[in-house]
Amino acid sequence: MLLLGGLLENVGYRQVHAWFQLRGLVAALTRRTPVWTAMPRTGFTEPEPITVEPAAAT
């Protein structure tokens, strides 16, 4: 039973990890610039509105 559980635990993780590796490889080969967005902090109080200015194109 533990052997079966150990085998099933890895099903899915490896496939998802390989998918993200493939996406990264394709992005690197096509020389796409990564897009980073603002990730506001969350907490226990009311958040203040965040204004995000677009990055200047180079």
C-alpha atoms as a PDB file:
ATOM      1  CA  MET A   1       0.000   0.000   0.000  1.00  0.00           C
ATOM      2  CA  LEU A   2       2.821   2.431   0.837  1.00  0.00           C
ATOM      3  CA  LEU A   3       4.608   1.591  -2.399  1.00  0.00           C
ATOM      4  CA  LEU A   4       1.472   2.387  -4.388  1.00  0.00           C
ATOM      5  CA  GLY A   5       1.030   5.642  -2.465  1.00  0.00           C
ATOM      6  CA  GLY A   6       4.656   6.587  -3.155  1.00  0.00           C
ATOM      7  CA  LEU A   7       4.211   5.956  -6.864  1.00  0.00           C
ATOM      8  CA  LEU A   8       0.937   7.876  -7.123  1.00  0.00           C
ATOM      9  CA  GLU A   9       2.363  10.821  -5.196  1.00  0.00           C
ATOM     10  CA  ASN A  10       4.726  11.677  -8.054  1.00  0.00           C
ATOM     11  CA  VAL A  11       2.142  11.380 -10.813  1.00  0.00           C
ATOM     12  CA  GLY A  12       1.209  14.856 -11.954  1.00  0.00           C
ATOM     13  CA  TYR A  13       4.064  16.739 -10.288  1.00  0.00           C
ATOM     14  CA  ARG A  14       6.658  15.616 -12.810  1.00  0.00           C
ATOM     15  CA  GLN A  15       4.360  16.373 -15.727  1.00  0.00           C
ATOM     16  CA  VAL A  16       3.577  19.884 -14.466  1.00  0.00           C
ATOM     17  CA  HIS A  17       7.251  20.532 -13.766  1.00  0.00           C
ATOM     18  CA  ALA A  18       8.193  19.360 -17.274  1.00  0.00           C
ATOM     19  CA  TRP A  19       5.494  21.647 -18.748  1.00  0.00           C
ATOM     20  CA  PHE A  20       6.916  24.723 -17.012  1.00  0.00           C
ATOM     21  CA  GLN A  21      10.437  23.728 -18.064  1.00  0.00           C
ATOM     22  CA  LEU A  22       9.274  23.476 -21.665  1.00  0.00           C
ATOM     23  CA  ARG A  23       7.551  26.885 -21.468  1.00  0.00           C
ATOM     24  CA  GLY A  24      10.750  28.423 -20.062  1.00  0.00           C
ATOM     25  CA  LEU A  25      12.866  26.853 -22.772  1.00  0.00           C
ATOM     26  CA  VAL A  26      10.573  28.123 -25.536  1.00  0.00           C
ATOM     27  CA  ALA A  27      10.543  31.615 -23.991  1.00  0.00           C
ATOM     28  CA  ALA A  28      14.344  31.605 -23.786  1.00  0.00           C
ATOM     29  CA  LEU A  29      14.777  30.386 -27.358  1.00  0.00           C
ATOM     30  CA  THR A  30      12.347  32.962 -28.741  1.00  0.00           C
ATOM     31  CA  ARG A  31      14.036  35.631 -26.582  1.00  0.00           C
ATOM     32  CA  ARG A  32      10.784  36.832 -25.070  1.00  0.00           C
ATOM     33  CA  THR A  33      11.122  39.342 -22.268  1.00  0.00           C
ATOM     34  CA  PRO A  34       9.534  38.191 -19.021  1.00  0.00           C
ATOM     35  CA  VAL A  35       6.484  40.113 -17.826  1.00  0.00           C
ATOM     36  CA  TRP A  36       6.419  40.874 -14.127  1.00  0.00           C
ATOM     37  CA  THR A  37       3.374  42.419 -12.520  1.00  0.00           C
ATOM     38  CA  ALA A  38       2.870  44.056  -9.155  1.00  0.00           C
ATOM     39  CA  MET A  39       1.928  41.651  -6.397  1.00  0.00           C
ATOM     40  CA  PRO A  40       0.322  43.634  -3.607  1.00  0.00           C
ATOM     41  CA  ARG A  41       0.736  42.521  -0.042  1.00  0.00           C
ATOM     42  CA  THR A  42      -2.303  41.214   1.748  1.00  0.00           C
ATOM     43  CA  GLY A  43      -2.916  41.476   5.437  1.00  0.00           C
ATOM     44  CA  PHE A  44      -5.514  41.831   8.127  1.00  0.00           C
ATOM     45  CA  THR A  45      -6.320  45.503   7.484  1.00  0.00           C
ATOM     46  CA  GLU A  46      -8.005  47.243   4.566  1.00  0.00           C
ATOM     47  CA  PRO A  47      -5.502  47.573   1.737  1.00  0.00           C
ATOM     48  CA  GLU A  48      -4.801  50.941   0.182  1.00  0.00           C
ATOM     49  CA  PRO A  49      -5.351  51.150  -3.575  1.00  0.00           C
ATOM     50  CA  ILE A  50      -2.168  50.505  -5.515  1.00  0.00           C
ATOM     51  CA  THR A  51      -1.455  52.394  -8.711  1.00  0.00           C
ATOM     52  CA  VAL A  52       0.866  50.692 -11.147  1.00  0.00           C
ATOM     53  CA  GLU A  53       2.529  52.733 -13.856  1.00  0.00           C
ATOM     54  CA  PRO A  54       3.438  50.933 -17.073  1.00  0.00           C
ATOM     55  CA  ALA A  55       7.129  50.331 -17.645  1.00  0.00           C
ATOM     56  CA  ALA A  56       8.873  52.405 -20.266  1.00  0.00           C
ATOM     57  CA  ALA A  57       9.575  50.517 -23.489  1.00  0.00           C
ATOM     58  CA  THR A  58      13.227  50.182 -24.409  1.00  0.00           C
END
